[in-house]
Amino acid sequence: MDDDRPDVLLTGLLFYDLVLTWHGQPPTPGEEIWTEGMGCGPGGIANLAVAAARFGLRTSLATVFGDDFYGAYCRDVLCDQEGVDLSLSRTADGWPTPVTVSLAYGHDRALVTHGQEPPYTQDDLVRDPPEARTALVHLQARPCDWLAKAAANGTRIYADVGWDPTQEWSTALLEQLALCHAFLPNEREAMAYTRTDSAMAALGTLSELVPVAVVTRGGDGAMAVDQITGEYADVPALGMDVLDATGAGDVFGAAFVTASLGGWPLAQRLRFAVLAAGLSVGHHGGAPAAPGWYGVDRWWRSLTDPELKRAYGFLADRIPADAGPPVRYAPVTPPAPHTPVGPRACERRH
């Protein structure tokens, strides 16, 4: 579309992520392990922001940065490197940027996070939401006021949901789906919230609550129903080697929105999202692991499997002629601090 609206609006908590990877067992108390790999970068809501921006979507992010090195580094990566619009974001004096250390081993991981409650809520940050084409949101137990305002603006809401630490899985949360265009939980979350015992049964229940229902299944792929078009799709996962699965669900969501904005058939939307998530798990961290069009193009050009060539043949007409520059994956350590020169385009409305 020839307008200046954001393609996707995002808000949520940002983290500085430090990811350590190896192929053995987790350390026991008193044991020291030397890891085989390490990467750092912005995480949390930044996973969605970078994944969307690398697919060429005009991405507006409302989050809070601490006034510390970690906050400045994450802001530089998002604004200067990835071109994310941060005009709705704020830097909080005296508030430390949350830091997560992820210990990723095999197909599992353990997380240790230091952080404090942010000084601004989502409604503080997005009091008057822009008329974005879509918004990608994590539903919370307490509904946010900005969500209803965005839906009233004509913004299509694509939602997922996090793990419920109380394990109560309140069905009241599903009432928020009345505002949503699509819902993309994982298999365990979908079954827990719908009180069903299979991904298929959960999908059936969710498809009665939201126009587009998607259930992601990790190593088993994903399935979806689009009540608007009457389509159903069930797509297998790709056999990717897993280095770090952090943020794979966020990459899936950003890819699904990208394909949805393009008006693709449901099976193509689902295959594209499964592919993007699969490509992300081969690199450290959440946000820096997002493949973007560059990564998808490289995979497509190197593909020799005739069956996958047929299944993903639609990419020949979908990948842009200019797939963009090589993506920057997570560095082992952040570069030395620097002072940006001149105003930043992504902060143009400050």
Protein backbone atom coordinates (compact mmCIF):
# COMPACT_ATOMS: atom_id res chain seq x y z
CA MET A 1 0.00 0.00 0.00
CA ASP A 2 1.21 3.51 -0.82
CA ASP A 3 0.86 5.10 2.61
CA ASP A 4 3.04 5.79 5.60
CA ARG A 5 1.16 3.67 8.12
CA PRO A 6 3.24 1.18 10.08
CA ASP A 7 2.85 -2.32 8.72
CA VAL A 8 3.11 -3.70 12.23
CA LEU A 9 2.81 -2.19 15.71
CA LEU A 10 4.55 -3.88 18.65
CA THR A 11 4.78 -3.23 22.35
CA GLY A 12 6.20 -5.24 25.23
CA LEU A 13 9.20 -5.76 27.47
CA LEU A 14 12.70 -5.71 26.00
CA PHE A 15 15.67 -7.68 27.38
CA TYR A 16 19.38 -7.78 26.75
CA ASP A 17 20.02 -11.46 25.99
CA LEU A 18 23.27 -13.36 26.55
CA VAL A 19 23.03 -16.87 25.07
CA LEU A 20 25.48 -19.69 25.82
CA THR A 21 25.24 -22.88 23.76
CA TRP A 22 26.73 -26.37 23.97
CA HIS A 23 25.74 -29.97 23.23
CA GLY A 24 26.20 -31.59 26.62
CA GLN A 25 24.17 -31.69 29.80
CA PRO A 26 23.33 -28.65 31.98
CA PRO A 27 25.84 -27.89 34.74
CA THR A 28 25.33 -29.33 38.20
CA PRO A 29 25.85 -27.24 41.37
CA GLY A 30 29.53 -26.44 41.78
CA GLU A 31 30.40 -27.46 38.20
CA GLU A 32 31.92 -25.16 35.58
CA ILE A 33 31.29 -25.71 31.86
CA TRP A 34 33.16 -24.06 29.01
CA THR A 35 30.62 -23.44 26.27
CA GLU A 36 31.07 -24.02 22.55
CA GLY A 37 29.21 -20.88 21.48
CA MET A 38 27.96 -17.52 22.70
CA GLY A 39 25.93 -14.65 21.31
CA CYS A 40 24.34 -11.46 22.59
CA GLY A 41 21.71 -9.01 21.44
CA PRO A 42 18.30 -7.51 22.14
CA GLY A 43 15.56 -9.98 23.10
CA GLY A 44 11.99 -10.10 24.34
CA ILE A 45 9.76 -7.90 22.18
CA ALA A 46 12.85 -7.09 20.07
CA ASN A 47 12.61 -10.62 18.63
CA LEU A 48 9.37 -9.69 16.90
CA ALA A 49 10.59 -6.23 15.89
CA VAL A 50 13.76 -7.44 14.16
CA ALA A 51 12.02 -10.40 12.53
CA ALA A 52 9.36 -8.10 11.06
CA ALA A 53 11.81 -5.40 9.96
CA ARG A 54 14.03 -7.95 8.17
CA PHE A 55 11.01 -8.93 6.08
CA GLY A 56 10.70 -5.32 4.95
CA LEU A 57 7.76 -4.39 7.17
CA ARG A 58 7.54 -0.84 8.48
CA THR A 59 7.85 -1.71 12.16
CA SER A 60 6.86 0.56 15.06
CA LEU A 61 8.02 -0.56 18.51
CA ALA A 62 6.87 0.84 21.85
CA THR A 63 9.12 -0.39 24.66
CA VAL A 64 11.24 0.84 27.56
CA PHE A 65 15.04 1.06 27.52
CA GLY A 66 17.12 1.43 30.66
CA ASP A 67 19.56 4.35 30.82
CA ASP A 68 22.51 1.94 30.88
CA PHE A 69 24.92 0.28 28.48
CA TYR A 70 22.54 -2.58 27.74
CA GLY A 71 19.70 -0.20 26.89
CA ALA A 72 21.89 1.98 24.68
CA TYR A 73 23.26 -1.06 22.85
CA CYS A 74 19.79 -2.52 22.21
CA ARG A 75 18.53 0.87 21.02
CA ASP A 76 21.46 1.21 18.60
CA VAL A 77 20.85 -2.27 17.16
CA LEU A 78 17.12 -1.73 16.69
CA CYS A 79 17.28 1.81 15.36
CA ASP A 80 20.59 2.16 13.53
CA GLN A 81 21.09 -1.42 12.35
CA GLU A 82 17.56 -2.75 11.81
CA GLY A 83 15.61 0.42 11.02
CA VAL A 84 12.88 -0.07 13.62
CA ASP A 85 10.82 3.04 14.42
CA LEU A 86 11.30 3.75 18.15
CA SER A 87 9.32 6.99 18.33
CA LEU A 88 6.83 5.39 20.75
CA SER A 89 9.60 4.04 23.01
CA ARG A 90 11.07 5.68 26.10
CA THR A 91 14.32 5.61 28.03
CA ALA A 92 13.76 5.40 31.79
CA ASP A 93 16.20 7.18 34.11
CA GLY A 94 17.56 4.97 36.87
CA TRP A 95 15.84 1.81 35.59
CA PRO A 96 18.11 -1.09 34.58
CA THR A 97 17.45 -2.86 31.28
CA PRO A 98 16.36 -6.44 32.07
CA VAL A 99 19.11 -8.99 31.32
CA THR A 100 18.52 -12.67 30.52
CA VAL A 101 21.22 -15.35 30.44
CA SER A 102 20.05 -18.31 28.34
CA LEU A 103 21.77 -21.67 28.72
CA ALA A 104 20.86 -23.52 25.50
CA TYR A 105 21.85 -27.17 25.32
CA GLY A 106 20.55 -29.68 22.79
CA HIS A 107 16.86 -28.95 22.20
CA ASP A 108 16.32 -27.41 25.65
CA ARG A 109 17.35 -24.30 27.52
CA ALA A 110 17.32 -22.68 30.95
CA LEU A 111 16.82 -18.96 31.57
CA VAL A 112 18.03 -16.69 34.36
CA THR A 113 16.77 -13.10 34.28
CA HIS A 114 17.52 -9.99 36.29
CA GLY A 115 14.95 -7.22 36.01
CA GLN A 116 12.43 -4.91 37.61
CA GLU A 117 8.88 -3.93 36.74
CA PRO A 118 9.11 -1.29 33.97
CA PRO A 119 8.13 2.26 34.96
CA TYR A 120 5.75 2.58 31.99
CA THR A 121 2.89 0.24 31.07
CA GLN A 122 1.89 -0.68 27.53
CA ASP A 123 -1.03 1.75 27.83
CA ASP A 124 1.39 4.50 28.89
CA LEU A 125 3.49 3.86 25.78
CA VAL A 126 0.64 3.39 23.31
CA ARG A 127 -1.97 5.74 24.73
CA ASP A 128 -3.03 6.81 21.22
CA PRO A 129 -2.04 3.94 18.89
CA PRO A 130 -1.12 4.79 15.29
CA GLU A 131 -3.34 3.42 12.53
CA ALA A 132 -1.07 0.47 11.83
CA ARG A 133 -2.07 -2.21 9.34
CA THR A 134 -1.42 -4.95 11.90
CA ALA A 135 -0.32 -5.36 15.51
CA LEU A 136 1.47 -8.39 16.94
CA VAL A 137 0.61 -8.75 20.64
CA HIS A 138 1.18 -11.07 23.58
CA LEU A 139 -2.17 -11.39 25.35
CA GLN A 140 -2.04 -10.86 29.12
CA ALA A 141 -4.47 -11.74 31.90
CA ARG A 142 -5.37 -8.06 32.26
CA PRO A 143 -6.50 -6.62 28.91
CA CYS A 144 -4.67 -3.51 27.71
CA ASP A 145 -6.79 -0.49 26.78
CA TRP A 146 -4.71 0.29 23.69
CA LEU A 147 -5.69 -3.01 22.10
CA ALA A 148 -9.37 -2.06 21.76
CA LYS A 149 -8.36 1.37 20.43
CA ALA A 150 -6.10 -0.21 17.80
CA ALA A 151 -8.82 -2.63 16.71
CA ALA A 152 -11.27 0.28 16.43
CA ASN A 153 -8.71 2.03 14.18
CA GLY A 154 -8.93 -0.87 11.75
CA THR A 155 -5.67 -2.49 12.87
CA ARG A 156 -5.74 -6.26 12.47
CA ILE A 157 -4.58 -7.87 15.70
CA TYR A 158 -2.41 -10.99 15.53
CA ALA A 159 -2.01 -12.41 19.02
CA ASP A 160 -0.13 -15.10 20.85
CA VAL A 161 0.06 -15.92 24.54
CA GLY A 162 2.81 -16.82 26.98
CA TRP A 163 3.20 -19.67 29.42
CA ASP A 164 0.99 -19.30 32.49
CA PRO A 165 3.26 -19.81 35.54
CA THR A 166 0.17 -20.32 37.74
CA GLN A 167 -0.99 -23.06 35.36
CA GLU A 168 -4.57 -21.95 35.90
CA TRP A 169 -5.00 -21.20 32.18
CA SER A 170 -7.96 -18.92 32.76
CA THR A 171 -10.40 -19.15 29.88
CA ALA A 172 -11.26 -15.49 30.53
CA LEU A 173 -8.12 -14.60 28.58
CA LEU A 174 -9.76 -16.00 25.44
CA GLU A 175 -12.44 -13.29 25.67
CA GLN A 176 -9.83 -10.92 24.23
CA LEU A 177 -9.94 -12.89 20.98
CA ALA A 178 -13.06 -10.90 20.10
CA LEU A 179 -10.64 -8.06 19.22
CA CYS A 180 -8.28 -10.28 17.24
CA HIS A 181 -7.97 -11.28 13.60
CA ALA A 182 -5.62 -14.20 14.31
CA PHE A 183 -4.41 -16.22 17.30
CA LEU A 184 -1.13 -18.18 17.17
CA PRO A 185 -0.49 -20.16 20.40
CA ASN A 186 1.74 -23.19 20.64
CA GLU A 187 0.32 -26.66 21.08
CA ARG A 188 0.61 -26.86 24.88
CA GLU A 189 -0.87 -23.40 25.39
CA ALA A 190 -3.71 -24.04 22.95
CA MET A 191 -4.75 -27.30 24.63
CA ALA A 192 -4.45 -25.81 28.13
CA TYR A 193 -6.60 -22.77 27.40
CA THR A 194 -9.25 -24.73 25.49
CA ARG A 195 -9.29 -27.67 27.92
CA THR A 196 -8.76 -30.13 25.04
CA ASP A 197 -6.42 -33.11 24.67
CA SER A 198 -5.06 -32.65 21.13
CA ALA A 199 -3.78 -29.88 18.89
CA MET A 200 -6.55 -30.62 16.38
CA ALA A 201 -9.27 -30.34 19.01
CA ALA A 202 -7.76 -27.10 20.32
CA LEU A 203 -7.63 -25.69 16.79
CA GLY A 204 -11.30 -26.53 16.30
CA THR A 205 -12.29 -24.69 19.47
CA LEU A 206 -10.14 -21.66 18.69
CA SER A 207 -11.44 -21.42 15.13
CA GLU A 208 -14.87 -20.64 16.59
CA LEU A 209 -13.42 -17.68 18.53
CA VAL A 210 -11.19 -15.93 15.99
CA PRO A 211 -11.16 -15.64 12.16
CA VAL A 212 -7.70 -17.18 11.75
CA ALA A 213 -6.54 -19.80 14.26
CA VAL A 214 -3.02 -21.24 14.18
CA VAL A 215 -1.48 -23.86 16.46
CA THR A 216 2.31 -24.22 16.29
CA ARG A 217 3.72 -27.66 17.09
CA GLY A 218 7.50 -27.24 17.23
CA GLY A 219 9.12 -30.25 15.60
CA ASP A 220 5.74 -31.33 14.21
CA GLY A 221 5.13 -28.14 12.23
CA ALA A 222 1.90 -26.11 12.44
CA MET A 223 -1.78 -26.26 11.55
CA ALA A 224 -4.30 -23.52 10.89
CA VAL A 225 -7.86 -22.68 9.92
CA ASP A 226 -8.92 -19.50 8.10
CA GLN A 227 -12.67 -19.05 8.55
CA ILE A 228 -12.68 -16.07 6.17
CA THR A 229 -11.44 -18.07 3.17
CA GLY A 230 -12.58 -21.50 4.35
CA GLU A 231 -9.01 -22.88 4.17
CA TYR A 232 -7.37 -25.49 6.38
CA ALA A 233 -3.65 -26.30 6.31
CA ASP A 234 -1.34 -28.69 8.17
CA VAL A 235 2.36 -28.17 7.42
CA PRO A 236 5.27 -30.33 8.65
CA ALA A 237 8.40 -28.87 10.20
CA LEU A 238 11.70 -28.82 8.34
CA GLY A 239 14.62 -30.91 9.57
CA MET A 240 16.82 -28.06 10.82
CA ASP A 241 19.72 -28.49 13.23
CA VAL A 242 18.84 -26.65 16.44
CA LEU A 243 21.49 -24.43 18.02
CA ASP A 244 19.17 -22.13 19.95
CA ALA A 245 15.36 -22.04 19.74
CA THR A 246 15.06 -18.65 21.48
CA GLY A 247 12.57 -16.46 19.64
CA ALA A 248 11.57 -19.05 17.03
CA GLY A 249 7.90 -18.49 17.84
CA ASP A 250 8.33 -14.75 17.34
CA VAL A 251 9.97 -15.30 13.95
CA PHE A 252 7.06 -17.58 13.03
CA GLY A 253 4.57 -14.83 13.95
CA ALA A 254 6.39 -12.10 12.02
CA ALA A 255 6.66 -14.32 8.93
CA PHE A 256 2.98 -15.25 9.13
CA VAL A 257 2.01 -11.56 9.28
CA THR A 258 4.32 -10.79 6.35
CA ALA A 259 2.66 -13.45 4.21
CA SER A 260 -0.81 -12.43 5.38
CA LEU A 261 -0.20 -8.81 4.34
CA GLY A 262 0.76 -10.21 0.94
CA GLY A 263 -2.58 -12.00 0.66
CA TRP A 264 -1.03 -15.46 0.29
CA PRO A 265 -3.08 -18.68 0.53
CA LEU A 266 -3.14 -20.21 4.00
CA ALA A 267 -0.84 -23.15 3.17
CA GLN A 268 1.78 -20.77 1.80
CA ARG A 269 1.49 -18.49 4.84
CA LEU A 270 2.01 -21.47 7.11
CA ARG A 271 4.92 -22.98 5.14
CA PHE A 272 6.66 -19.61 5.01
CA ALA A 273 6.32 -19.14 8.78
CA VAL A 274 7.55 -22.68 9.50
CA LEU A 275 10.55 -22.10 7.22
CA ALA A 276 11.46 -18.75 8.81
CA ALA A 277 11.25 -20.19 12.32
CA GLY A 278 13.31 -23.21 11.24
CA LEU A 279 16.04 -21.00 9.78
CA SER A 280 16.24 -18.99 13.00
CA VAL A 281 17.10 -21.91 15.29
CA GLY A 282 20.48 -22.41 13.65
CA HIS A 283 21.86 -19.17 15.12
CA HIS A 284 22.34 -17.65 18.57
CA GLY A 285 19.74 -15.49 20.22
CA GLY A 286 16.22 -14.42 19.29
CA ALA A 287 16.30 -11.10 17.45
CA PRO A 288 19.67 -11.47 15.65
CA ALA A 289 18.74 -14.99 14.47
CA ALA A 290 15.80 -13.81 12.35
CA PRO A 291 16.54 -14.78 8.72
CA GLY A 292 14.69 -12.03 6.85
CA TRP A 293 14.32 -12.20 3.08
CA TYR A 294 18.09 -12.61 2.78
CA GLY A 295 18.06 -15.87 4.73
CA VAL A 296 15.00 -17.21 2.93
CA ASP A 297 16.55 -16.39 -0.44
CA ARG A 298 19.82 -18.15 0.44
CA TRP A 299 17.91 -21.26 1.56
CA TRP A 300 15.80 -21.31 -1.60
CA ARG A 301 18.81 -20.89 -3.91
CA SER A 302 20.70 -23.72 -2.17
CA LEU A 303 17.72 -26.12 -2.08
CA THR A 304 18.23 -29.39 -3.98
CA ASP A 305 15.56 -31.66 -2.45
CA PRO A 306 12.95 -32.11 -5.22
CA GLU A 307 10.09 -32.64 -2.77
CA LEU A 308 10.85 -29.43 -0.90
CA LYS A 309 11.34 -27.64 -4.22
CA ARG A 310 7.77 -28.52 -5.12
CA ALA A 311 6.33 -27.72 -1.69
CA TYR A 312 8.06 -24.34 -1.54
CA GLY A 313 7.90 -23.53 -5.24
CA PHE A 314 5.73 -20.50 -4.45
CA LEU A 315 8.85 -18.75 -3.12
CA ALA A 316 10.10 -18.27 -6.67
CA ASP A 317 7.39 -15.62 -7.12
CA ARG A 318 7.37 -14.33 -3.55
CA ILE A 319 11.02 -13.51 -2.77
CA PRO A 320 11.76 -9.87 -3.69
CA ALA A 321 14.20 -9.23 -6.53
CA ASP A 322 16.35 -7.46 -3.93
CA ALA A 323 16.43 -9.74 -0.90
CA GLY A 324 18.43 -7.18 1.04
CA PRO A 325 21.93 -7.21 2.54
CA PRO A 326 23.26 -10.11 4.62
CA VAL A 327 21.70 -10.15 8.07
CA ARG A 328 23.88 -9.50 11.09
CA TYR A 329 23.80 -12.40 13.51
CA ALA A 330 24.49 -12.14 17.24
CA PRO A 331 28.04 -11.06 18.09
CA VAL A 332 29.92 -12.94 20.80
CA THR A 333 30.27 -9.70 22.74
CA PRO A 334 28.80 -6.26 22.03
CA PRO A 335 31.00 -3.69 20.30
CA ALA A 336 32.46 -0.78 22.24
CA PRO A 337 29.95 1.99 22.99
CA HIS A 338 29.73 4.81 20.50
CA THR A 339 27.82 8.07 20.22
CA PRO A 340 25.55 8.19 17.15
CA VAL A 341 26.05 11.30 15.00
CA GLY A 342 22.98 13.34 14.07
CA PRO A 343 19.28 12.53 14.55
CA ARG A 344 18.06 8.99 13.96
CA ALA A 345 15.37 8.42 11.36
CA CYS A 346 13.57 5.93 13.60
CA GLU A 347 13.21 8.59 16.28
CA ARG A 348 11.98 11.28 13.91
CA ARG A 349 8.87 12.12 15.92
CA HIS A 350 10.70 12.81 19.21
